[in-house]
PDB file of N, CA and C in Angstrom:
ATOM      1  N   MET A   1     -13.883  16.651   8.209  1.00  0.00           N
ATOM      2  CA  MET A   1     -13.037  16.712   6.989  1.00  0.00           C
ATOM      3  C   MET A   1     -12.087  17.943   7.254  1.00  0.00           C
ATOM      4  N   THR A   2     -10.913  17.894   7.026  1.00  0.00           N
ATOM      5  CA  THR A   2     -10.018  18.984   7.160  1.00  0.00           C
ATOM      6  C   THR A   2     -10.130  19.961   6.025  1.00  0.00           C
ATOM      7  N   VAL A   3      -9.643  21.123   6.187  1.00  0.00           N
ATOM      8  CA  VAL A   3      -9.703  22.198   5.174  1.00  0.00           C
ATOM      9  C   VAL A   3      -8.964  21.874   4.050  1.00  0.00           C
ATOM     10  N   ASN A   4      -7.846  21.076   4.086  1.00  0.00           N
ATOM     11  CA  ASN A   4      -6.951  20.749   3.135  1.00  0.00           C
ATOM     12  C   ASN A   4      -7.398  19.530   2.191  1.00  0.00           C
ATOM     13  N   ALA A   5      -8.664  19.158   2.408  1.00  0.00           N
ATOM     14  CA  ALA A   5      -9.051  17.938   1.561  1.00  0.00           C
ATOM     15  C   ALA A   5      -8.945  18.146   0.160  1.00  0.00           C
ATOM     16  N   VAL A   6      -8.633  17.050  -0.594  1.00  0.00           N
ATOM     17  CA  VAL A   6      -8.192  17.122  -1.938  1.00  0.00           C
ATOM     18  C   VAL A   6      -9.104  16.130  -2.775  1.00  0.00           C
ATOM     19  N   THR A   7      -9.180  16.266  -4.004  1.00  0.00           N
ATOM     20  CA  THR A   7      -9.945  15.320  -4.851  1.00  0.00           C
ATOM     21  C   THR A   7      -9.196  14.009  -5.125  1.00  0.00           C
ATOM     22  N   ILE A   8     -10.005  12.977  -5.697  1.00  0.00           N
ATOM     23  CA  ILE A   8      -9.489  11.782  -5.917  1.00  0.00           C
ATOM     24  C   ILE A   8      -8.372  11.794  -7.041  1.00  0.00           C
ATOM     25  N   ALA A   9      -8.610  12.670  -7.984  1.00  0.00           N
ATOM     26  CA  ALA A   9      -7.438  12.868  -9.026  1.00  0.00           C
ATOM     27  C   ALA A   9      -6.209  13.321  -8.353  1.00  0.00           C
ATOM     28  N   GLU A  10      -6.310  14.261  -7.383  1.00  0.00           N
ATOM     29  CA  GLU A  10      -5.099  14.880  -6.773  1.00  0.00           C
ATOM     30  C   GLU A  10      -4.378  13.750  -5.966  1.00  0.00           C
ATOM     31  N   VAL A  11      -5.146  12.900  -5.211  1.00  0.00           N
ATOM     32  CA  VAL A  11      -4.583  11.868  -4.428  1.00  0.00           C
ATOM     33  C   VAL A  11      -4.040  10.806  -5.210  1.00  0.00           C
ATOM     34  N   ALA A  12      -4.696  10.385  -6.361  1.00  0.00           N
ATOM     35  CA  ALA A  12      -4.149   9.476  -7.187  1.00  0.00           C
ATOM     36  C   ALA A  12      -2.767   9.850  -7.863  1.00  0.00           C
ATOM     37  N   THR A  13      -2.831  11.153  -8.320  1.00  0.00           N
ATOM     38  CA  THR A  13      -1.447  11.562  -8.873  1.00  0.00           C
ATOM     39  C   THR A  13      -0.449  11.578  -7.809  1.00  0.00           C
ATOM     40  N   ARG A  14      -0.773  12.057  -6.587  1.00  0.00           N
ATOM     41  CA  ARG A  14       0.317  12.075  -5.518  1.00  0.00           C
ATOM     42  C   ARG A  14       0.828  10.725  -5.114  1.00  0.00           C
ATOM     43  N   LEU A  15      -0.105   9.697  -5.230  1.00  0.00           N
ATOM     44  CA  LEU A  15       0.303   8.326  -4.817  1.00  0.00           C
ATOM     45  C   LEU A  15       0.754   7.480  -5.890  1.00  0.00           C
ATOM     46  N   GLY A  16       0.584   7.947  -7.257  1.00  0.00           N
ATOM     47  CA  GLY A  16       1.257   7.228  -8.441  1.00  0.00           C
ATOM     48  C   GLY A  16       0.205   6.072  -8.697  1.00  0.00           C
ATOM     49  N   VAL A  17      -1.038   6.312  -8.537  1.00  0.00           N
ATOM     50  CA  VAL A  17      -2.000   5.350  -8.977  1.00  0.00           C
ATOM     51  C   VAL A  17      -3.152   5.925  -9.751  1.00  0.00           C
ATOM     52  N   LYS A  18      -3.918   5.103 -10.243  1.00  0.00           N
ATOM     53  CA  LYS A  18      -5.123   5.683 -11.052  1.00  0.00           C
ATOM     54  C   LYS A  18      -6.343   5.794  -9.963  1.00  0.00           C
ATOM     55  N   PRO A  19      -7.182   6.833 -10.201  1.00  0.00           N
ATOM     56  CA  PRO A  19      -8.409   6.942  -9.419  1.00  0.00           C
ATOM     57  C   PRO A  19      -9.135   5.671  -9.269  1.00  0.00           C
ATOM     58  N   ASP A  20      -9.210   4.869 -10.249  1.00  0.00           N
ATOM     59  CA  ASP A  20     -10.067   3.666 -10.105  1.00  0.00           C
ATOM     60  C   ASP A  20      -9.383   2.764  -9.051  1.00  0.00           C
ATOM     61  N   THR A  21      -8.119   2.734  -8.902  1.00  0.00           N
ATOM     62  CA  THR A  21      -7.509   1.968  -7.703  1.00  0.00           C
ATOM     63  C   THR A  21      -8.101   2.360  -6.346  1.00  0.00           C
ATOM     64  N   LEU A  22      -8.171   3.687  -6.178  1.00  0.00           N
ATOM     65  CA  LEU A  22      -8.752   4.179  -4.868  1.00  0.00           C
ATOM     66  C   LEU A  22     -10.217   3.997  -4.802  1.00  0.00           C
ATOM     67  N   ARG A  23     -10.954   3.910  -5.822  1.00  0.00           N
ATOM     68  CA  ARG A  23     -12.354   3.547  -5.835  1.00  0.00           C
ATOM     69  C   ARG A  23     -12.487   2.076  -5.547  1.00  0.00           C
ATOM     70  N   TRP A  24     -11.539   1.254  -6.085  1.00  0.00           N
ATOM     71  CA  TRP A  24     -11.618  -0.095  -5.818  1.00  0.00           C
ATOM     72  C   TRP A  24     -11.432  -0.433  -4.307  1.00  0.00           C
ATOM     73  N   PHE A  25     -10.294   0.115  -3.751  1.00  0.00           N
ATOM     74  CA  PHE A  25     -10.081  -0.074  -2.414  1.00  0.00           C
ATOM     75  C   PHE A  25     -11.391   0.280  -1.594  1.00  0.00           C
ATOM     76  N   GLU A  26     -12.084   1.480  -1.829  1.00  0.00           N
ATOM     77  CA  GLU A  26     -13.241   1.788  -1.173  1.00  0.00           C
ATOM     78  C   GLU A  26     -14.388   0.900  -1.329  1.00  0.00           C
ATOM     79  N   ARG A  27     -14.673   0.483  -2.592  1.00  0.00           N
ATOM     80  CA  ARG A  27     -15.794  -0.521  -2.898  1.00  0.00           C
ATOM     81  C   ARG A  27     -15.554  -1.807  -2.273  1.00  0.00           C
ATOM     82  N   HIS A  28     -14.373  -2.303  -2.081  1.00  0.00           N
ATOM     83  CA  HIS A  28     -14.125  -3.590  -1.540  1.00  0.00           C
ATOM     84  C   HIS A  28     -13.861  -3.574  -0.056  1.00  0.00           C
ATOM     85  N   GLY A  29     -14.040  -2.341   0.668  1.00  0.00           N
ATOM     86  CA  GLY A  29     -13.939  -2.244   2.163  1.00  0.00           C
ATOM     87  C   GLY A  29     -12.590  -2.261   2.676  1.00  0.00           C
ATOM     88  N   VAL A  30     -11.606  -2.035   1.661  1.00  0.00           N
ATOM     89  CA  VAL A  30     -10.124  -1.916   2.149  1.00  0.00           C
ATOM     90  C   VAL A  30      -9.942  -0.638   2.944  1.00  0.00           C
ATOM     91  N   VAL A  31     -10.536   0.360   2.436  1.00  0.00           N
ATOM     92  CA  VAL A  31     -10.527   1.723   3.192  1.00  0.00           C
ATOM     93  C   VAL A  31     -12.062   2.222   3.446  1.00  0.00           C
ATOM     94  N   PRO A  32     -12.128   2.986   4.404  1.00  0.00           N
ATOM     95  CA  PRO A  32     -13.470   3.574   4.607  1.00  0.00           C
ATOM     96  C   PRO A  32     -13.753   4.637   3.536  1.00  0.00           C
ATOM     97  N   PRO A  33     -15.004   4.976   3.291  1.00  0.00           N
ATOM     98  CA  PRO A  33     -15.283   5.865   2.286  1.00  0.00           C
ATOM     99  C   PRO A  33     -14.883   7.214   2.733  1.00  0.00           C
ATOM    100  N   PRO A  34     -14.206   8.198   1.942  1.00  0.00           N
ATOM    101  CA  PRO A  34     -13.747   9.446   2.296  1.00  0.00           C
ATOM    102  C   PRO A  34     -14.996  10.376   2.458  1.00  0.00           C
ATOM    103  N   ALA A  35     -14.890  11.581   2.936  1.00  0.00           N
ATOM    104  CA  ALA A  35     -15.833  12.566   3.006  1.00  0.00           C
ATOM    105  C   ALA A  35     -16.339  12.910   1.529  1.00  0.00           C
ATOM    106  N   ARG A  36     -17.486  13.403   1.447  1.00  0.00           N
ATOM    107  CA  ARG A  36     -17.977  13.900   0.125  1.00  0.00           C
ATOM    108  C   ARG A  36     -18.542  15.372   0.193  1.00  0.00           C
ATOM    109  N   THR A  37     -18.465  15.990  -1.011  1.00  0.00           N
ATOM    110  CA  THR A  37     -18.968  17.308  -1.067  1.00  0.00           C
ATOM    111  C   THR A  37     -20.453  17.193  -1.138  1.00  0.00           C
ATOM    112  N   GLY A  38     -21.253  18.284  -1.244  1.00  0.00           N
ATOM    113  CA  GLY A  38     -22.567  18.252  -1.338  1.00  0.00           C
ATOM    114  C   GLY A  38     -22.986  17.659  -2.752  1.00  0.00           C
ATOM    115  N   ALA A  39     -22.049  17.841  -3.720  1.00  0.00           N
ATOM    116  CA  ALA A  39     -22.318  17.228  -5.085  1.00  0.00           C
ATOM    117  C   ALA A  39     -21.898  15.683  -5.094  1.00  0.00           C
ATOM    118  N   GLY A  40     -21.453  15.137  -4.010  1.00  0.00           N
ATOM    119  CA  GLY A  40     -21.016  13.752  -3.999  1.00  0.00           C
ATOM    120  C   GLY A  40     -19.580  13.479  -4.382  1.00  0.00           C
ATOM    121  N   HIS A  41     -18.844  14.457  -4.538  1.00  0.00           N
ATOM    122  CA  HIS A  41     -17.342  14.235  -5.015  1.00  0.00           C
ATOM    123  C   HIS A  41     -16.543  13.823  -3.768  1.00  0.00           C
ATOM    124  N   ARG A  42     -15.700  12.849  -3.926  1.00  0.00           N
ATOM    125  CA  ARG A  42     -14.765  12.451  -2.859  1.00  0.00           C
ATOM    126  C   ARG A  42     -13.816  13.652  -2.539  1.00  0.00           C
ATOM    127  N   ARG A  43     -13.669  13.703  -1.116  1.00  0.00           N
ATOM    128  CA  ARG A  43     -12.588  14.711  -0.710  1.00  0.00           C
ATOM    129  C   ARG A  43     -11.850  13.945   0.267  1.00  0.00           C
ATOM    130  N   TYR A  44     -10.503  13.884   0.044  1.00  0.00           N
ATOM    131  CA  TYR A  44      -9.544  13.125   1.065  1.00  0.00           C
ATOM    132  C   TYR A  44      -8.730  14.008   1.892  1.00  0.00           C
ATOM    133  N   ALA A  45      -8.910  13.777   3.155  1.00  0.00           N
ATOM    134  CA  ALA A  45      -8.196  14.527   4.214  1.00  0.00           C
ATOM    135  C   ALA A  45      -6.659  13.996   4.205  1.00  0.00           C
ATOM    136  N   ASP A  46      -5.757  14.778   4.916  1.00  0.00           N
ATOM    137  CA  ASP A  46      -4.403  14.363   5.039  1.00  0.00           C
ATOM    138  C   ASP A  46      -4.330  13.053   5.677  1.00  0.00           C
ATOM    139  N   GLU A  47      -5.186  12.706   6.680  1.00  0.00           N
ATOM    140  CA  GLU A  47      -5.238  11.326   7.273  1.00  0.00           C
ATOM    141  C   GLU A  47      -5.491  10.256   6.372  1.00  0.00           C
ATOM    142  N   ASP A  48      -6.551  10.515   5.455  1.00  0.00           N
ATOM    143  CA  ASP A  48      -6.779   9.626   4.441  1.00  0.00           C
ATOM    144  C   ASP A  48      -5.794   9.136   3.599  1.00  0.00           C
ATOM    145  N   ILE A  49      -5.038  10.222   3.082  1.00  0.00           N
ATOM    146  CA  ILE A  49      -4.016  10.116   2.180  1.00  0.00           C
ATOM    147  C   ILE A  49      -2.774   9.329   2.699  1.00  0.00           C
ATOM    148  N   HIS A  50      -2.591   9.689   3.971  1.00  0.00           N
ATOM    149  CA  HIS A  50      -1.428   8.954   4.707  1.00  0.00           C
ATOM    150  C   HIS A  50      -1.799   7.475   4.763  1.00  0.00           C
ATOM    151  N   LEU A  51      -3.017   7.146   5.271  1.00  0.00           N
ATOM    152  CA  LEU A  51      -3.427   5.748   5.281  1.00  0.00           C
ATOM    153  C   LEU A  51      -3.332   5.091   3.913  1.00  0.00           C
ATOM    154  N   LEU A  52      -3.812   5.687   3.013  1.00  0.00           N
ATOM    155  CA  LEU A  52      -3.777   5.175   1.556  1.00  0.00           C
ATOM    156  C   LEU A  52      -2.261   4.945   1.139  1.00  0.00           C
ATOM    157  N   GLU A  53      -1.394   5.845   1.495  1.00  0.00           N
ATOM    158  CA  GLU A  53      -0.036   5.653   1.035  1.00  0.00           C
ATOM    159  C   GLU A  53       0.583   4.391   1.787  1.00  0.00           C
ATOM    160  N   VAL A  54       0.243   4.278   3.099  1.00  0.00           N
ATOM    161  CA  VAL A  54       0.819   3.070   3.739  1.00  0.00           C
ATOM    162  C   VAL A  54       0.249   1.841   3.250  1.00  0.00           C
ATOM    163  N   LEU A  55      -1.016   1.781   2.905  1.00  0.00           N
ATOM    164  CA  LEU A  55      -1.737   0.510   2.395  1.00  0.00           C
ATOM    165  C   LEU A  55      -1.235   0.285   0.966  1.00  0.00           C
ATOM    166  N   LEU A  56      -0.902   1.216   0.301  1.00  0.00           N
ATOM    167  CA  LEU A  56      -0.414   0.981  -1.155  1.00  0.00           C
ATOM    168  C   LEU A  56       1.006   0.366  -1.010  1.00  0.00           C
ATOM    169  N   HIS A  57       1.854   0.887  -0.103  1.00  0.00           N
ATOM    170  CA  HIS A  57       3.107   0.238   0.140  1.00  0.00           C
ATOM    171  C   HIS A  57       3.029  -1.198   0.642  1.00  0.00           C
ATOM    172  N   LEU A  58       2.114  -1.442   1.559  1.00  0.00           N
ATOM    173  CA  LEU A  58       1.989  -2.771   1.977  1.00  0.00           C
ATOM    174  C   LEU A  58       1.488  -3.701   0.827  1.00  0.00           C
ATOM    175  N   ARG A  59       0.690  -3.223   0.005  1.00  0.00           N
ATOM    176  CA  ARG A  59       0.128  -4.006  -1.169  1.00  0.00           C
ATOM    177  C   ARG A  59       1.335  -4.320  -2.160  1.00  0.00           C
ATOM    178  N   ARG A  60       2.024  -3.196  -2.369  1.00  0.00           N
ATOM    179  CA  ARG A  60       3.159  -3.477  -3.429  1.00  0.00           C
ATOM    180  C   ARG A  60       4.228  -4.373  -2.952  1.00  0.00           C
ATOM    181  N   THR A  61       4.343  -4.599  -1.611  1.00  0.00           N
ATOM    182  CA  THR A  61       5.265  -5.431  -1.061  1.00  0.00           C
ATOM    183  C   THR A  61       4.685  -6.893  -0.808  1.00  0.00           C
ATOM    184  N   GLY A  62       3.512  -7.010  -1.289  1.00  0.00           N
ATOM    185  CA  GLY A  62       2.929  -8.360  -1.236  1.00  0.00           C
ATOM    186  C   GLY A  62       2.000  -8.725  -0.122  1.00  0.00           C
ATOM    187  N   MET A  63       1.561  -7.792   0.774  1.00  0.00           N
ATOM    188  CA  MET A  63       0.671  -8.064   1.869  1.00  0.00           C
ATOM    189  C   MET A  63      -0.676  -8.398   1.200  1.00  0.00           C
ATOM    190  N   PRO A  64      -1.273  -9.535   1.701  1.00  0.00           N
ATOM    191  CA  PRO A  64      -2.569  -9.954   1.171  1.00  0.00           C
ATOM    192  C   PRO A  64      -3.560  -8.893   1.466  1.00  0.00           C
ATOM    193  N   LEU A  65      -4.670  -8.762   0.586  1.00  0.00           N
ATOM    194  CA  LEU A  65      -5.689  -7.698   0.845  1.00  0.00           C
ATOM    195  C   LEU A  65      -6.449  -8.012   2.193  1.00  0.00           C
ATOM    196  N   ALA A  66      -6.608  -9.175   2.562  1.00  0.00           N
ATOM    197  CA  ALA A  66      -7.321  -9.487   3.857  1.00  0.00           C
ATOM    198  C   ALA A  66      -6.523  -8.920   5.018  1.00  0.00           C
ATOM    199  N   GLU A  67      -5.185  -8.947   5.048  1.00  0.00           N
ATOM    200  CA  GLU A  67      -4.421  -8.409   6.079  1.00  0.00           C
ATOM    201  C   GLU A  67      -4.445  -6.851   6.067  1.00  0.00           C
ATOM    202  N   ILE A  68      -4.409  -6.403   4.757  1.00  0.00           N
ATOM    203  CA  ILE A  68      -4.462  -4.904   4.710  1.00  0.00           C
ATOM    204  C   ILE A  68      -5.788  -4.422   5.204  1.00  0.00           C
ATOM    205  N   THR A  69      -6.914  -5.004   4.826  1.00  0.00           N
ATOM    206  CA  THR A  69      -8.230  -4.815   5.359  1.00  0.00           C
ATOM    207  C   THR A  69      -8.358  -4.783   6.954  1.00  0.00           C
ATOM    208  N   GLU A  70      -7.592  -5.827   7.492  1.00  0.00           N
ATOM    209  CA  GLU A  70      -7.616  -5.986   8.960  1.00  0.00           C
ATOM    210  C   GLU A  70      -6.814  -4.851   9.494  1.00  0.00           C
ATOM    211  N   PHE A  71      -5.709  -4.504   8.871  1.00  0.00           N
ATOM    212  CA  PHE A  71      -4.893  -3.341   9.403  1.00  0.00           C
ATOM    213  C   PHE A  71      -5.783  -2.017   9.375  1.00  0.00           C
ATOM    214  N   THR A  72      -6.455  -1.842   8.316  1.00  0.00           N
ATOM    215  CA  THR A  72      -7.337  -0.684   8.267  1.00  0.00           C
ATOM    216  C   THR A  72      -8.476  -0.661   9.416  1.00  0.00           C
ATOM    217  N   SER A  73      -8.992  -1.831   9.566  1.00  0.00           N
ATOM    218  CA  SER A  73     -10.096  -1.966  10.562  1.00  0.00           C
ATOM    219  C   SER A  73      -9.569  -1.617  12.041  1.00  0.00           C
ATOM    220  N   TRP A  74      -8.256  -2.078  12.222  1.00  0.00           N
ATOM    221  CA  TRP A  74      -7.663  -1.685  13.613  1.00  0.00           C
ATOM    222  C   TRP A  74      -7.464  -0.275  13.786  1.00  0.00           C
ATOM    223  N   VAL A  75      -7.072   0.388  12.617  1.00  0.00           N
ATOM    224  CA  VAL A  75      -6.754   1.872  12.624  1.00  0.00           C
ATOM    225  C   VAL A  75      -8.102   2.586  12.936  1.00  0.00           C
ATOM    226  N   GLN A  76      -9.135   2.112  12.336  1.00  0.00           N
ATOM    227  CA  GLN A  76     -10.416   2.721  12.460  1.00  0.00           C
ATOM    228  C   GLN A  76     -11.018   2.551  13.834  1.00  0.00           C
ATOM    229  N   ARG A  77     -10.974   1.283  14.394  1.00  0.00           N
ATOM    230  CA  ARG A  77     -11.405   0.983  15.680  1.00  0.00           C
ATOM    231  C   ARG A  77     -10.693   1.625  16.851  1.00  0.00           C
ATOM    232  N   ASP A  78      -9.393   1.707  16.747  1.00  0.00           N
ATOM    233  CA  ASP A  78      -8.522   2.325  17.837  1.00  0.00           C
ATOM    234  C   ASP A  78      -7.337   3.019  17.230  1.00  0.00           C
ATOM    235  N   PRO A  79      -7.477   4.228  16.882  1.00  0.00           N
ATOM    236  CA  PRO A  79      -6.391   4.992  16.215  1.00  0.00           C
ATOM    237  C   PRO A  79      -5.161   5.018  17.021  1.00  0.00           C
ATOM    238  N   ASP A  80      -5.245   4.865  18.394  1.00  0.00           N
ATOM    239  CA  ASP A  80      -4.084   4.968  19.341  1.00  0.00           C
ATOM    240  C   ASP A  80      -3.509   3.555  19.616  1.00  0.00           C
ATOM    241  N   GLY A  81      -4.215   2.598  19.377  1.00  0.00           N
ATOM    242  CA  GLY A  81      -3.814   1.200  19.679  1.00  0.00           C
ATOM    243  C   GLY A  81      -2.978   0.613  18.555  1.00  0.00           C
ATOM    244  N   VAL A  82      -1.691   0.212  18.835  1.00  0.00           N
ATOM    245  CA  VAL A  82      -0.852  -0.160  17.844  1.00  0.00           C
ATOM    246  C   VAL A  82      -0.360  -1.724  17.896  1.00  0.00           C
ATOM    247  N   THR A  83      -0.805  -2.325  18.967  1.00  0.00           N
ATOM    248  CA  THR A  83      -0.142  -3.561  19.409  1.00  0.00           C
ATOM    249  C   THR A  83      -0.473  -4.595  18.180  1.00  0.00           C
ATOM    250  N   GLU A  84      -1.742  -4.759  17.640  1.00  0.00           N
ATOM    251  CA  GLU A  84      -2.037  -5.602  16.688  1.00  0.00           C
ATOM    252  C   GLU A  84      -1.415  -5.212  15.414  1.00  0.00           C
ATOM    253  N   ARG A  85      -1.412  -3.922  15.108  1.00  0.00           N
ATOM    254  CA  ARG A  85      -0.731  -3.330  13.948  1.00  0.00           C
ATOM    255  C   ARG A  85       0.767  -3.600  13.834  1.00  0.00           C
ATOM    256  N   LEU A  86       1.381  -3.554  15.007  1.00  0.00           N
ATOM    257  CA  LEU A  86       2.762  -3.727  15.158  1.00  0.00           C
ATOM    258  C   LEU A  86       3.119  -5.240  14.726  1.00  0.00           C
ATOM    259  N   HIS A  87       2.388  -6.092  15.340  1.00  0.00           N
ATOM    260  CA  HIS A  87       2.593  -7.619  15.146  1.00  0.00           C
ATOM    261  C   HIS A  87       2.480  -7.947  13.689  1.00  0.00           C
ATOM    262  N   LEU A  88       1.407  -7.366  13.021  1.00  0.00           N
ATOM    263  CA  LEU A  88       1.075  -7.545  11.635  1.00  0.00           C
ATOM    264  C   LEU A  88       2.312  -7.039  10.727  1.00  0.00           C
ATOM    265  N   LEU A  89       2.840  -5.775  11.004  1.00  0.00           N
ATOM    266  CA  LEU A  89       3.862  -5.265  10.319  1.00  0.00           C
ATOM    267  C   LEU A  89       5.111  -5.989  10.493  1.00  0.00           C
ATOM    268  N   HIS A  90       5.363  -6.495  11.674  1.00  0.00           N
ATOM    269  CA  HIS A  90       6.566  -7.283  11.949  1.00  0.00           C
ATOM    270  C   HIS A  90       6.627  -8.454  10.967  1.00  0.00           C
ATOM    271  N   ARG A  91       5.414  -9.294  11.066  1.00  0.00           N
ATOM    272  CA  ARG A  91       5.307 -10.327  10.250  1.00  0.00           C
ATOM    273  C   ARG A  91       5.539 -10.112   8.812  1.00  0.00           C
ATOM    274  N   HIS A  92       4.969  -8.896   8.291  1.00  0.00           N
ATOM    275  CA  HIS A  92       5.131  -8.532   6.839  1.00  0.00           C
ATOM    276  C   HIS A  92       6.498  -8.233   6.535  1.00  0.00           C
ATOM    277  N   GLN A  93       7.163  -7.470   7.492  1.00  0.00           N
ATOM    278  CA  GLN A  93       8.607  -7.158   7.310  1.00  0.00           C
ATOM    279  C   GLN A  93       9.440  -8.375   7.098  1.00  0.00           C
ATOM    280  N   GLU A  94       9.139  -9.370   7.885  1.00  0.00           N
ATOM    281  CA  GLU A  94       9.987 -10.656   7.803  1.00  0.00           C
ATOM    282  C   GLU A  94       9.717 -11.269   6.418  1.00  0.00           C
ATOM    283  N   ARG A  95       8.479 -11.239   5.949  1.00  0.00           N
ATOM    284  CA  ARG A  95       8.162 -11.875   4.645  1.00  0.00           C
ATOM    285  C   ARG A  95       8.935 -11.061   3.580  1.00  0.00           C
ATOM    286  N   VAL A  96       8.891  -9.745   3.658  1.00  0.00           N
ATOM    287  CA  VAL A  96       9.590  -8.913   2.735  1.00  0.00           C
ATOM    288  C   VAL A  96      11.074  -9.181   2.603  1.00  0.00           C
ATOM    289  N   ALA A  97      11.631  -9.401   3.827  1.00  0.00           N
ATOM    290  CA  ALA A  97      13.045  -9.637   4.033  1.00  0.00           C
ATOM    291  C   ALA A  97      13.403 -10.947   3.339  1.00  0.00           C
ATOM    292  N   ARG A  98      12.552 -12.035   3.561  1.00  0.00           N
ATOM    293  CA  ARG A  98      12.816 -13.247   2.897  1.00  0.00           C
ATOM    294  C   ARG A  98      12.728 -13.151   1.347  1.00  0.00           C
ATOM    295  N   THR A  99      11.707 -12.339   0.919  1.00  0.00           N
ATOM    296  CA  THR A  99      11.431 -12.186  -0.545  1.00  0.00           C
ATOM    297  C   THR A  99      12.727 -11.413  -1.040  1.00  0.00           C
ATOM    298  N   LEU A 100      13.227 -10.371  -0.467  1.00  0.00           N
ATOM    299  CA  LEU A 100      14.424  -9.660  -0.917  1.00  0.00           C
ATOM    300  C   LEU A 100      15.636 -10.537  -0.950  1.00  0.00           C
ATOM    301  N   GLU A 101      15.804 -11.536  -0.028  1.00  0.00           N
ATOM    302  CA  GLU A 101      16.903 -12.515  -0.052  1.00  0.00           C
ATOM    303  C   GLU A 101      16.758 -13.394  -1.226  1.00  0.00           C
ATOM    304  N   GLU A 102      15.582 -13.925  -1.487  1.00  0.00           N
ATOM    305  CA  GLU A 102      15.337 -14.795  -2.623  1.00  0.00           C
ATOM    306  C   GLU A 102      15.490 -13.994  -3.984  1.00  0.00           C
ATOM    307  N   LEU A 103      15.150 -12.789  -3.976  1.00  0.00           N
ATOM    308  CA  LEU A 103      15.414 -11.990  -5.318  1.00  0.00           C
ATOM    309  C   LEU A 103      16.925 -11.707  -5.436  1.00  0.00           C
ATOM    310  N   SER A 104      17.568 -11.491  -4.347  1.00  0.00           N
ATOM    311  CA  SER A 104      19.008 -11.289  -4.367  1.00  0.00           C
ATOM    312  C   SER A 104      19.693 -12.535  -4.924  1.00  0.00           C
ATOM    313  N   ALA A 105      19.276 -13.719  -4.359  1.00  0.00           N
ATOM    314  CA  ALA A 105      19.911 -14.881  -4.924  1.00  0.00           C
ATOM    315  C   ALA A 105      19.614 -15.116  -6.421  1.00  0.00           C
ATOM    316  N   ALA A 106      18.501 -14.832  -6.805  1.00  0.00           N
ATOM    317  CA  ALA A 106      18.051 -14.944  -8.197  1.00  0.00           C
ATOM    318  C   ALA A 106      18.793 -14.010  -9.045  1.00  0.00           C
ATOM    319  N   GLN A 107      18.940 -12.788  -8.641  1.00  0.00           N
ATOM    320  CA  GLN A 107      19.724 -11.792  -9.404  1.00  0.00           C
ATOM    321  C   GLN A 107      21.162 -12.298  -9.572  1.00  0.00           C
ATOM    322  N   ALA A 108      21.675 -12.836  -8.458  1.00  0.00           N
ATOM    323  CA  ALA A 108      23.209 -13.273  -8.654  1.00  0.00           C
ATOM    324  C   ALA A 108      23.273 -14.473  -9.705  1.00  0.00           C
ATOM    325  N   VAL A 109      22.239 -15.405  -9.714  1.00  0.00           N
ATOM    326  CA  VAL A 109      22.213 -16.446 -10.725  1.00  0.00           C
ATOM    327  C   VAL A 109      22.201 -15.741 -12.182  1.00  0.00           C
ATOM    328  N   ILE A 110      21.209 -14.720 -12.317  1.00  0.00           N
ATOM    329  CA  ILE A 110      21.035 -14.073 -13.627  1.00  0.00           C
ATOM    330  C   ILE A 110      22.384 -13.304 -14.000  1.00  0.00           C
ATOM    331  N   ALA A 111      22.986 -12.764 -13.071  1.00  0.00           N
ATOM    332  CA  ALA A 111      24.323 -11.947 -13.368  1.00  0.00           C
ATOM    333  C   ALA A 111      25.313 -12.872 -13.863  1.00  0.00           C
ATOM    334  N   ARG A 112      25.411 -14.116 -13.189  1.00  0.00           N
ATOM    335  CA  ARG A 112      26.402 -15.181 -13.606  1.00  0.00           C
ATOM    336  C   ARG A 112      26.111 -15.597 -15.095  1.00  0.00           C
ATOM    337  N   LYS A 113      24.879 -15.866 -15.319  1.00  0.00           N
ATOM    338  CA  LYS A 113      24.436 -16.303 -16.625  1.00  0.00           C
ATOM    339  C   LYS A 113      24.828 -15.182 -17.689  1.00  0.00           C
ATOM    340  N   ILE A 114      24.590 -13.917 -17.475  1.00  0.00           N
ATOM    341  CA  ILE A 114      24.981 -12.827 -18.402  1.00  0.00           C
ATOM    342  C   ILE A 114      26.500 -12.780 -18.526  1.00  0.00           C
ATOM    343  N   THR A 115      27.233 -12.893 -17.497  1.00  0.00           N
ATOM    344  CA  THR A 115      28.657 -13.058 -17.547  1.00  0.00           C
ATOM    345  C   THR A 115      29.159 -14.248 -18.374  1.00  0.00           C
ATOM    346  N   ASP A 116      28.499 -15.417 -18.265  1.00  0.00           N
ATOM    347  CA  ASP A 116      28.802 -16.548 -19.075  1.00  0.00           C
ATOM    348  C   ASP A 116      28.478 -16.257 -20.535  1.00  0.00           C
ATOM    349  N   TYR A 117      27.318 -15.796 -20.821  1.00  0.00           N
ATOM    350  CA  TYR A 117      26.934 -15.411 -22.213  1.00  0.00           C
ATOM    351  C   TYR A 117      27.843 -14.450 -22.860  1.00  0.00           C
ATOM    352  N   GLN A 118      28.178 -13.342 -22.089  1.00  0.00           N
ATOM    353  CA  GLN A 118      29.074 -12.372 -22.665  1.00  0.00           C
ATOM    354  C   GLN A 118      30.439 -13.027 -23.039  1.00  0.00           C
ATOM    355  N   ALA A 119      30.914 -13.890 -22.202  1.00  0.00           N
ATOM    356  CA  ALA A 119      32.184 -14.498 -22.446  1.00  0.00           C
ATOM    357  C   ALA A 119      32.212 -15.261 -23.787  1.00  0.00           C
ATOM    358  N   ARG A 120      30.982 -15.669 -24.289  1.00  0.00           N
ATOM    359  CA  ARG A 120      30.897 -16.486 -25.446  1.00  0.00           C
ATOM    360  C   ARG A 120      30.724 -15.467 -26.696  1.00  0.00           C
ATOM    361  N   CYS A 121      30.558 -14.248 -26.568  1.00  0.00           N
ATOM    362  CA  CYS A 121      30.284 -13.304 -27.592  1.00  0.00           C
ATOM    363  C   CYS A 121      31.739 -12.853 -28.245  1.00  0.00           C
TER     364      CYS A 121
END
């Protein structure tokens, strides 16, 4: 554990989530358990926080939890090995790009409807 380890509340605030979200990730094996104090309180090192930040962004962009868990297991097994992670991230990036295109098309339809309705007012 690094000297700069912080509490679950501090990490949650920094990442914009509730502490329960971080506990859920841990309970369901999405992330490894962080270090704990003698009293059993979680303490997150900089590396833990960075991984959580990446995982939260992956989740927010629709990556399935099974893939996020797989990503995490690769990080734990081989911190320097990036081949599998790179393939996974490329696939996800392609899905995100398709989703953005679909959302952009939907936004254009909505904008046209707004213009149509405003013309009637």
